[in-house]
Amino acid sequence: MSLDAAEIVWTIVVAGGTGARFGRAKQFEVVGKRRVVDQAAAVARAASDGVVIVVPAEVVASEGGVAGGATRSESVRAGLAAVPAEATIVCVHDAARPFASAHLFAAVIEAVAAGADAAVPGIAVTDTIKRIGAGNVVVDTPPRESLVAVQTPQAFRASVLRAAHAGGGEATDDAALVESCGGKVVVVAGEQTNRKITNLDDLVWAREHADAAGL
């Protein structure tokens, strides 16, 4: 990728979940020739100067890495604490998305290098979305063209990400914390194959995709 040599890129691979929705720790399931977490980490390593993997505390002894927290944001903060101070760009990537491409990493990193505080991949929303309130009553229907479904990896100017997490806030993704601080977050084109493994159907798809791709 075309990147200023002064930039130092580190990636936090978040694999600290217990798999409550999935039924077991999905990041340690095998897809193709590798486990989900190993596949996600391999792409991150190829795109970064260094990688920190955040895993459940009970497996740190066997897996290595950094112990995660009780929430996703706590786990990211644990990983961020292990990122060297000289890092200038930090990516955060969910291990549950094992098929993010090198091109996608490059796209978000380059957007931050070009001046954004953060960059996230987004996929156009094809379904009509309703926002609901109390009693499941529809409040409004936002136009689809203004919506995207957001993925990881997400890239951040390191100082901005550290500042956004300094208050100990919670969010479903790190870009939301940056947004709440007034940071500029841009969207790059996401990838349909960068699918998150959330349920068993996703795991079946992931295994079929890995086999077809020879991974």
C-alpha atoms as a PDB file:
ATOM      1  CA  MET A   1       0.000   0.000   0.000  1.00  0.00           C
ATOM      2  CA  SER A   2       1.078   3.601  -0.555  1.00  0.00           C
ATOM      3  CA  LEU A   3       1.731   4.956   2.931  1.00  0.00           C
ATOM      4  CA  ASP A   4       3.988   7.553   4.509  1.00  0.00           C
ATOM      5  CA  ALA A   5       6.996   5.716   5.930  1.00  0.00           C
ATOM      6  CA  ALA A   6       6.572   7.757   9.129  1.00  0.00           C
ATOM      7  CA  GLU A   7       3.301   5.964   9.899  1.00  0.00           C
ATOM      8  CA  ILE A   8       3.538   3.051  12.332  1.00  0.00           C
ATOM      9  CA  VAL A   9       0.478   0.814  12.150  1.00  0.00           C
ATOM     10  CA  TRP A  10      -0.630  -1.608  14.849  1.00  0.00           C
ATOM     11  CA  THR A  11      -3.780  -3.736  14.904  1.00  0.00           C
ATOM     12  CA  ILE A  12      -5.792  -4.946  17.874  1.00  0.00           C
ATOM     13  CA  VAL A  13      -7.570  -8.205  17.056  1.00  0.00           C
ATOM     14  CA  VAL A  14     -10.483  -8.514  19.461  1.00  0.00           C
ATOM     15  CA  ALA A  15     -11.069 -12.184  20.307  1.00  0.00           C
ATOM     16  CA  GLY A  16     -12.072 -11.800  23.940  1.00  0.00           C
ATOM     17  CA  GLY A  17     -15.713 -12.831  23.699  1.00  0.00           C
ATOM     18  CA  THR A  18     -17.176 -15.848  25.458  1.00  0.00           C
ATOM     19  CA  GLY A  19     -19.594 -16.660  22.630  1.00  0.00           C
ATOM     20  CA  ALA A  20     -22.781 -16.159  24.669  1.00  0.00           C
ATOM     21  CA  ARG A  21     -24.949 -15.675  21.558  1.00  0.00           C
ATOM     22  CA  PHE A  22     -23.130 -18.355  19.583  1.00  0.00           C
ATOM     23  CA  GLY A  23     -23.102 -20.978  22.325  1.00  0.00           C
ATOM     24  CA  ARG A  24     -19.313 -21.353  22.504  1.00  0.00           C
ATOM     25  CA  ALA A  25     -16.167 -19.365  21.770  1.00  0.00           C
ATOM     26  CA  LYS A  26     -16.618 -18.968  18.013  1.00  0.00           C
ATOM     27  CA  GLN A  27     -13.170 -17.410  17.545  1.00  0.00           C
ATOM     28  CA  PHE A  28     -11.587 -20.816  18.171  1.00  0.00           C
ATOM     29  CA  GLU A  29     -13.716 -22.685  15.618  1.00  0.00           C
ATOM     30  CA  VAL A  30     -11.882 -24.009  12.567  1.00  0.00           C
ATOM     31  CA  VAL A  31     -12.644 -22.606   9.120  1.00  0.00           C
ATOM     32  CA  GLY A  32     -10.613 -24.094   6.305  1.00  0.00           C
ATOM     33  CA  LYS A  33      -7.083 -24.823   7.505  1.00  0.00           C
ATOM     34  CA  ARG A  34      -7.094 -22.319  10.393  1.00  0.00           C
ATOM     35  CA  ARG A  35      -9.085 -21.265  13.396  1.00  0.00           C
ATOM     36  CA  VAL A  36     -11.176 -18.115  13.012  1.00  0.00           C
ATOM     37  CA  VAL A  37      -8.862 -16.059  15.246  1.00  0.00           C
ATOM     38  CA  ASP A  38      -5.741 -17.299  13.450  1.00  0.00           C
ATOM     39  CA  GLN A  39      -7.162 -16.377  10.053  1.00  0.00           C
ATOM     40  CA  ALA A  40      -8.110 -12.889  11.257  1.00  0.00           C
ATOM     41  CA  ALA A  41      -4.716 -12.378  12.899  1.00  0.00           C
ATOM     42  CA  ALA A  42      -2.801 -13.505   9.808  1.00  0.00           C
ATOM     43  CA  VAL A  43      -4.357 -10.803   7.618  1.00  0.00           C
ATOM     44  CA  ALA A  44      -3.827  -8.206  10.347  1.00  0.00           C
ATOM     45  CA  ARG A  45      -0.140  -9.106  10.636  1.00  0.00           C
ATOM     46  CA  ALA A  46       0.353  -8.748   6.887  1.00  0.00           C
ATOM     47  CA  ALA A  47      -1.194  -5.256   7.003  1.00  0.00           C
ATOM     48  CA  SER A  48       0.452  -3.956  10.177  1.00  0.00           C
ATOM     49  CA  ASP A  49       3.778  -3.357  11.862  1.00  0.00           C
ATOM     50  CA  GLY A  50       2.528  -5.214  14.924  1.00  0.00           C
ATOM     51  CA  VAL A  51      -0.539  -7.014  16.275  1.00  0.00           C
ATOM     52  CA  VAL A  52      -2.070  -7.375  19.741  1.00  0.00           C
ATOM     53  CA  ILE A  53      -4.552 -10.226  20.153  1.00  0.00           C
ATOM     54  CA  VAL A  54      -7.088  -9.899  22.972  1.00  0.00           C
ATOM     55  CA  VAL A  55      -8.409 -13.245  24.251  1.00  0.00           C
ATOM     56  CA  PRO A  56     -10.533 -14.420  27.195  1.00  0.00           C
ATOM     57  CA  ALA A  57      -8.568 -14.201  30.431  1.00  0.00           C
ATOM     58  CA  GLU A  58      -8.879 -17.931  31.078  1.00  0.00           C
ATOM     59  CA  VAL A  59      -6.973 -18.880  27.923  1.00  0.00           C
ATOM     60  CA  VAL A  60      -4.120 -16.338  28.055  1.00  0.00           C
ATOM     61  CA  ALA A  61      -1.774 -19.009  29.421  1.00  0.00           C
ATOM     62  CA  SER A  62      -2.438 -21.323  26.459  1.00  0.00           C
ATOM     63  CA  GLU A  63      -3.115 -18.784  23.698  1.00  0.00           C
ATOM     64  CA  GLY A  64      -0.859 -15.896  24.646  1.00  0.00           C
ATOM     65  CA  GLY A  65      -2.010 -12.379  23.934  1.00  0.00           C
ATOM     66  CA  VAL A  66      -3.727  -9.957  26.286  1.00  0.00           C
ATOM     67  CA  ALA A  67      -6.628 -10.718  28.622  1.00  0.00           C
ATOM     68  CA  GLY A  68      -9.908  -9.139  27.562  1.00  0.00           C
ATOM     69  CA  GLY A  69     -12.442  -7.395  29.777  1.00  0.00           C
ATOM     70  CA  ALA A  70     -16.114  -7.836  30.579  1.00  0.00           C
ATOM     71  CA  THR A  71     -17.220  -5.791  27.531  1.00  0.00           C
ATOM     72  CA  ARG A  72     -15.935  -5.223  24.024  1.00  0.00           C
ATOM     73  CA  SER A  73     -14.818  -1.699  24.873  1.00  0.00           C
ATOM     74  CA  GLU A  74     -12.920  -2.953  27.921  1.00  0.00           C
ATOM     75  CA  SER A  75     -11.225  -5.551  25.742  1.00  0.00           C
ATOM     76  CA  VAL A  76     -10.201  -2.908  23.213  1.00  0.00           C
ATOM     77  CA  ARG A  77      -8.767  -0.784  26.015  1.00  0.00           C
ATOM     78  CA  ALA A  78      -6.773  -3.774  27.255  1.00  0.00           C
ATOM     79  CA  GLY A  79      -5.369  -4.228  23.758  1.00  0.00           C
ATOM     80  CA  LEU A  80      -4.712  -0.515  23.369  1.00  0.00           C
ATOM     81  CA  ALA A  81      -2.658  -0.513  26.555  1.00  0.00           C
ATOM     82  CA  ALA A  82      -0.353  -3.086  24.928  1.00  0.00           C
ATOM     83  CA  VAL A  83       0.127  -1.077  21.721  1.00  0.00           C
ATOM     84  CA  PRO A  84       3.491   0.747  21.741  1.00  0.00           C
ATOM     85  CA  ALA A  85       3.353   4.504  22.287  1.00  0.00           C
ATOM     86  CA  GLU A  86       5.095   5.119  18.940  1.00  0.00           C
ATOM     87  CA  ALA A  87       2.182   3.691  16.938  1.00  0.00           C
ATOM     88  CA  THR A  88       0.588   6.439  14.834  1.00  0.00           C
ATOM     89  CA  ILE A  89      -2.365   4.488  13.429  1.00  0.00           C
ATOM     90  CA  VAL A  90      -4.252   1.772  15.285  1.00  0.00           C
ATOM     91  CA  CYS A  91      -6.693  -0.616  13.644  1.00  0.00           C
ATOM     92  CA  VAL A  92      -9.301  -2.523  15.617  1.00  0.00           C
ATOM     93  CA  HIS A  93     -10.546  -5.743  14.042  1.00  0.00           C
ATOM     94  CA  ASP A  94     -13.040  -8.307  15.289  1.00  0.00           C
ATOM     95  CA  ALA A  95     -11.698 -11.849  15.117  1.00  0.00           C
ATOM     96  CA  ALA A  96     -15.225 -12.929  14.193  1.00  0.00           C
ATOM     97  CA  ARG A  97     -14.596 -11.402  10.728  1.00  0.00           C
ATOM     98  CA  PRO A  98     -11.847 -13.748   9.482  1.00  0.00           C
ATOM     99  CA  PHE A  99     -12.095 -12.855   5.787  1.00  0.00           C
ATOM    100  CA  ALA A 100     -11.283  -9.144   5.745  1.00  0.00           C
ATOM    101  CA  SER A 101      -8.874  -8.601   2.868  1.00  0.00           C
ATOM    102  CA  ALA A 102      -5.502  -6.870   2.747  1.00  0.00           C
ATOM    103  CA  HIS A 103      -7.143  -4.343   0.420  1.00  0.00           C
ATOM    104  CA  LEU A 104      -9.726  -3.462   3.079  1.00  0.00           C
ATOM    105  CA  PHE A 105      -7.048  -2.925   5.719  1.00  0.00           C
ATOM    106  CA  ALA A 106      -5.160  -0.719   3.268  1.00  0.00           C
ATOM    107  CA  ALA A 107      -8.277   1.336   2.495  1.00  0.00           C
ATOM    108  CA  VAL A 108      -9.043   2.268   6.103  1.00  0.00           C
ATOM    109  CA  ILE A 109      -5.373   2.872   6.955  1.00  0.00           C
ATOM    110  CA  GLU A 110      -4.862   5.119   3.940  1.00  0.00           C
ATOM    111  CA  ALA A 111      -7.991   7.143   4.805  1.00  0.00           C
ATOM    112  CA  VAL A 112      -6.562   7.913   8.244  1.00  0.00           C
ATOM    113  CA  ALA A 113      -3.126   8.667   6.787  1.00  0.00           C
ATOM    114  CA  ALA A 114      -4.895  11.143   4.462  1.00  0.00           C
ATOM    115  CA  GLY A 115      -6.344  13.081   7.397  1.00  0.00           C
ATOM    116  CA  ALA A 116      -9.410  11.348   8.834  1.00  0.00           C
ATOM    117  CA  ASP A 117      -9.576  10.685  12.571  1.00  0.00           C
ATOM    118  CA  ALA A 118     -11.071   7.284  11.822  1.00  0.00           C
ATOM    119  CA  ALA A 119     -12.157   5.163   8.868  1.00  0.00           C
ATOM    120  CA  VAL A 120     -14.665   2.309   8.814  1.00  0.00           C
ATOM    121  CA  PRO A 121     -15.813  -0.081   6.075  1.00  0.00           C
ATOM    122  CA  GLY A 122     -19.505   0.148   5.222  1.00  0.00           C
ATOM    123  CA  ILE A 123     -21.961  -1.888   3.159  1.00  0.00           C
ATOM    124  CA  ALA A 124     -25.094  -0.334   1.671  1.00  0.00           C
ATOM    125  CA  VAL A 125     -28.306  -1.262   3.479  1.00  0.00           C
ATOM    126  CA  THR A 126     -30.806  -2.972   1.176  1.00  0.00           C
ATOM    127  CA  ASP A 127     -33.678  -3.557   3.608  1.00  0.00           C
ATOM    128  CA  THR A 128     -36.008  -0.803   4.744  1.00  0.00           C
ATOM    129  CA  ILE A 129     -35.080   0.165   8.301  1.00  0.00           C
ATOM    130  CA  LYS A 130     -37.613   1.304  10.907  1.00  0.00           C
ATOM    131  CA  ARG A 131     -36.655   3.124  14.081  1.00  0.00           C
ATOM    132  CA  ILE A 132     -38.983   2.144  16.913  1.00  0.00           C
ATOM    133  CA  GLY A 133     -39.806   3.540  20.330  1.00  0.00           C
ATOM    134  CA  ALA A 134     -41.801   2.438  23.361  1.00  0.00           C
ATOM    135  CA  GLY A 135     -44.274  -0.356  22.705  1.00  0.00           C
ATOM    136  CA  ASN A 136     -42.553  -1.156  19.381  1.00  0.00           C
ATOM    137  CA  VAL A 137     -44.240   1.841  17.769  1.00  0.00           C
ATOM    138  CA  VAL A 138     -42.443   3.083  14.648  1.00  0.00           C
ATOM    139  CA  VAL A 139     -40.857   6.493  15.180  1.00  0.00           C
ATOM    140  CA  ASP A 140     -39.527   7.039  11.667  1.00  0.00           C
ATOM    141  CA  THR A 141     -38.104   5.406   8.548  1.00  0.00           C
ATOM    142  CA  PRO A 142     -34.649   6.738   7.704  1.00  0.00           C
ATOM    143  CA  PRO A 143     -33.804   6.774   3.978  1.00  0.00           C
ATOM    144  CA  ARG A 144     -31.728   3.758   3.002  1.00  0.00           C
ATOM    145  CA  GLU A 145     -29.296   5.828   0.970  1.00  0.00           C
ATOM    146  CA  SER A 146     -28.139   7.513   4.194  1.00  0.00           C
ATOM    147  CA  LEU A 147     -27.413   4.205   5.955  1.00  0.00           C
ATOM    148  CA  VAL A 148     -24.532   1.731   5.892  1.00  0.00           C
ATOM    149  CA  ALA A 149     -23.866  -1.472   7.813  1.00  0.00           C
ATOM    150  CA  VAL A 150     -20.436  -1.040   9.391  1.00  0.00           C
ATOM    151  CA  GLN A 151     -17.676  -3.657   9.521  1.00  0.00           C
ATOM    152  CA  THR A 152     -14.141  -3.986  10.852  1.00  0.00           C
ATOM    153  CA  PRO A 153     -11.207  -3.427  10.498  1.00  0.00           C
ATOM    154  CA  GLN A 154     -11.634   0.157  11.635  1.00  0.00           C
ATOM    155  CA  ALA A 155      -8.577   2.421  11.565  1.00  0.00           C
ATOM    156  CA  PHE A 156      -7.856   5.357  13.859  1.00  0.00           C
ATOM    157  CA  ARG A 157      -5.292   8.052  14.418  1.00  0.00           C
ATOM    158  CA  ALA A 158      -3.713   6.539  17.531  1.00  0.00           C
ATOM    159  CA  SER A 159      -3.941   9.677  19.644  1.00  0.00           C
ATOM    160  CA  VAL A 160      -7.629  10.060  18.785  1.00  0.00           C
ATOM    161  CA  LEU A 161      -8.472   6.464  19.703  1.00  0.00           C
ATOM    162  CA  ARG A 162      -6.607   6.737  22.997  1.00  0.00           C
ATOM    163  CA  ALA A 163      -8.433   9.971  23.840  1.00  0.00           C
ATOM    164  CA  ALA A 164     -11.810   8.465  22.916  1.00  0.00           C
ATOM    165  CA  HIS A 165     -11.227   5.541  25.274  1.00  0.00           C
ATOM    166  CA  ALA A 166      -9.761   7.632  28.074  1.00  0.00           C
ATOM    167  CA  GLY A 167     -13.164   8.223  29.631  1.00  0.00           C
ATOM    168  CA  GLY A 168     -13.941   4.505  29.872  1.00  0.00           C
ATOM    169  CA  GLY A 169     -17.017   4.760  27.649  1.00  0.00           C
ATOM    170  CA  GLU A 170     -18.911   1.844  26.128  1.00  0.00           C
ATOM    171  CA  ALA A 171     -20.034   1.416  22.510  1.00  0.00           C
ATOM    172  CA  THR A 172     -20.674  -1.364  20.032  1.00  0.00           C
ATOM    173  CA  ASP A 173     -17.794  -0.099  17.919  1.00  0.00           C
ATOM    174  CA  ASP A 174     -14.855   2.217  18.525  1.00  0.00           C
ATOM    175  CA  ALA A 175     -15.879   4.652  15.811  1.00  0.00           C
ATOM    176  CA  ALA A 176     -18.928   5.567  17.907  1.00  0.00           C
ATOM    177  CA  LEU A 177     -16.646   6.684  20.742  1.00  0.00           C
ATOM    178  CA  VAL A 178     -14.652   8.826  18.320  1.00  0.00           C
ATOM    179  CA  GLU A 179     -17.879  10.289  16.913  1.00  0.00           C
ATOM    180  CA  SER A 180     -19.039  11.205  20.421  1.00  0.00           C
ATOM    181  CA  CYS A 181     -15.819  13.194  20.859  1.00  0.00           C
ATOM    182  CA  GLY A 182     -16.436  15.110  17.639  1.00  0.00           C
ATOM    183  CA  GLY A 183     -13.927  13.164  15.545  1.00  0.00           C
ATOM    184  CA  LYS A 184     -14.134  12.913  11.762  1.00  0.00           C
ATOM    185  CA  VAL A 185     -15.069   9.344  10.764  1.00  0.00           C
ATOM    186  CA  VAL A 186     -15.131   8.453   7.065  1.00  0.00           C
ATOM    187  CA  VAL A 187     -16.589   5.380   5.382  1.00  0.00           C
ATOM    188  CA  VAL A 188     -14.790   3.267   2.774  1.00  0.00           C
ATOM    189  CA  ALA A 189     -16.346   0.498   0.718  1.00  0.00           C
ATOM    190  CA  GLY A 190     -16.800  -2.690   2.739  1.00  0.00           C
ATOM    191  CA  GLU A 191     -16.774  -6.249   1.449  1.00  0.00           C
ATOM    192  CA  GLN A 192     -19.645  -8.727   1.244  1.00  0.00           C
ATOM    193  CA  THR A 193     -17.270 -11.587   2.093  1.00  0.00           C
ATOM    194  CA  ASN A 194     -16.194  -9.770   5.272  1.00  0.00           C
ATOM    195  CA  ARG A 195     -19.108 -11.408   7.040  1.00  0.00           C
ATOM    196  CA  LYS A 196     -19.238 -11.595  10.823  1.00  0.00           C
ATOM    197  CA  ILE A 197     -19.638 -15.028  12.384  1.00  0.00           C
ATOM    198  CA  THR A 198     -22.515 -14.526  14.796  1.00  0.00           C
ATOM    199  CA  ASN A 199     -24.539 -17.749  14.617  1.00  0.00           C
ATOM    200  CA  LEU A 200     -24.175 -21.317  13.400  1.00  0.00           C
ATOM    201  CA  ASP A 201     -25.421 -20.447   9.907  1.00  0.00           C
ATOM    202  CA  ASP A 202     -22.583 -17.933   9.623  1.00  0.00           C
ATOM    203  CA  LEU A 203     -20.086 -20.612  10.643  1.00  0.00           C
ATOM    204  CA  VAL A 204     -21.432 -22.982   7.977  1.00  0.00           C
ATOM    205  CA  TRP A 205     -21.070 -20.214   5.390  1.00  0.00           C
ATOM    206  CA  ALA A 206     -17.555 -19.385   6.625  1.00  0.00           C
ATOM    207  CA  ARG A 207     -16.413 -22.978   6.244  1.00  0.00           C
ATOM    208  CA  GLU A 208     -17.859 -23.207   2.754  1.00  0.00           C
ATOM    209  CA  HIS A 209     -16.221 -19.895   1.798  1.00  0.00           C
ATOM    210  CA  ALA A 210     -12.845 -20.978   3.216  1.00  0.00           C
ATOM    211  CA  ASP A 211     -12.959 -24.259   1.332  1.00  0.00           C
ATOM    212  CA  ALA A 212     -13.931 -22.536  -1.927  1.00  0.00           C
ATOM    213  CA  ALA A 213     -11.169 -19.955  -1.494  1.00  0.00           C
ATOM    214  CA  GLY A 214      -8.576 -22.582  -0.545  1.00  0.00           C
ATOM    215  CA  LEU A 215      -7.944 -20.959   2.827  1.00  0.00           C
END
